[in-house]
Protein backbone atom coordinates (compact mmCIF):
# COMPACT_ATOMS: atom_id res chain seq x y z
CA MET A 1 22.57 -44.85 56.83
CA SER A 2 26.19 -44.63 55.68
CA ILE A 3 28.88 -46.80 57.16
CA TYR A 4 31.85 -44.82 58.43
CA LYS A 5 35.19 -46.63 58.36
CA LEU A 6 38.34 -45.63 60.17
CA ASP A 7 40.84 -43.97 57.83
CA ARG A 8 44.11 -45.44 59.11
CA THR A 9 46.21 -43.28 56.80
CA VAL A 10 45.67 -39.99 58.69
CA PHE A 11 47.55 -40.89 61.89
CA LYS A 12 51.03 -42.21 62.58
CA ALA A 13 52.24 -44.70 65.13
CA HIS A 14 54.24 -43.41 68.10
CA ASN A 15 56.65 -45.07 70.45
CA ALA A 16 56.18 -44.99 74.24
CA ALA A 17 58.32 -41.88 74.76
CA GLU A 18 56.39 -39.86 72.18
CA SER A 19 53.08 -41.01 73.63
CA SER A 20 54.22 -39.99 77.11
CA ASN A 21 54.92 -36.48 75.87
CA HIS A 22 51.41 -36.25 74.39
CA SER A 23 49.75 -37.31 77.62
CA ARG A 24 51.61 -34.60 79.57
CA TYR A 25 50.45 -31.98 77.05
CA TYR A 26 46.78 -33.03 77.18
CA ARG A 27 46.75 -33.50 80.96
CA ASN A 28 47.11 -29.71 81.39
CA MET A 29 43.95 -29.01 79.36
CA SER A 30 40.41 -28.81 80.68
CA TRP A 31 38.10 -31.74 80.02
CA GLN A 32 36.12 -29.50 77.64
CA GLN A 33 39.23 -28.83 75.54
CA ARG A 34 40.11 -32.54 75.46
CA LEU A 35 36.54 -33.40 74.44
CA SER A 36 36.71 -30.87 71.61
CA ILE A 37 40.01 -32.36 70.40
CA THR A 38 38.54 -35.87 70.60
CA ASN A 39 35.56 -34.77 68.54
CA TYR A 40 37.88 -33.29 65.90
CA LEU A 41 40.11 -36.39 65.76
CA ASN A 42 37.07 -38.66 65.39
CA SER A 43 35.80 -36.52 62.50
CA VAL A 44 39.19 -36.85 60.78
CA ALA A 45 39.55 -40.56 61.49
CA PHE A 46 36.05 -41.49 60.33
CA ASN A 47 35.86 -38.85 57.57
CA TYR A 48 32.70 -36.93 58.52
CA ALA A 49 32.02 -33.21 58.78
CA LEU A 50 32.84 -31.82 62.21
CA ASP A 51 29.51 -29.98 62.41
CA ASN A 52 27.50 -32.99 61.19
CA PRO A 53 28.50 -36.17 63.08
CA PRO A 54 26.78 -39.45 62.17
CA LYS A 55 23.72 -40.41 64.19
CA MET A 56 23.62 -43.57 66.27
CA ASP A 57 21.47 -46.32 64.75
CA ARG A 58 19.09 -46.92 67.65
CA THR A 59 17.55 -49.96 65.96
CA LYS A 60 20.70 -51.93 66.87
CA PHE A 61 20.15 -51.61 70.63
CA LYS A 62 17.47 -52.72 73.08
CA ALA A 63 16.66 -51.33 76.50
CA ARG A 64 16.18 -54.02 79.12
CA SER A 65 15.46 -53.88 82.80
CA SER A 66 18.30 -54.88 85.09
CA ASN A 67 15.80 -56.52 87.46
CA SER A 68 15.92 -60.28 87.58
CA ASN A 69 12.21 -60.34 88.54
CA GLY A 70 10.87 -59.98 85.15
C-alpha cells in the first residue's frame, strides 16, 4: 500500500478575516456540497485521483468490545 503525504504547497495560509469569509460562503451550501468539496480538497492535498481514493489499511485497527465484563 502506498503512503500518501500531505502536499503543503497546494494551499495558502489565510488570516482570520479571510477564513471568516470562507466559512460564510460554505455555510450556505448543503452538507452534500460541502462533503464533495472536502473530498476534492483531500484528493488535491494528498495527491490521489478523485475517483480512486486510497483504501483504509484495516490491519492497523482492532475491534474491541466496550463491555468491561470481558
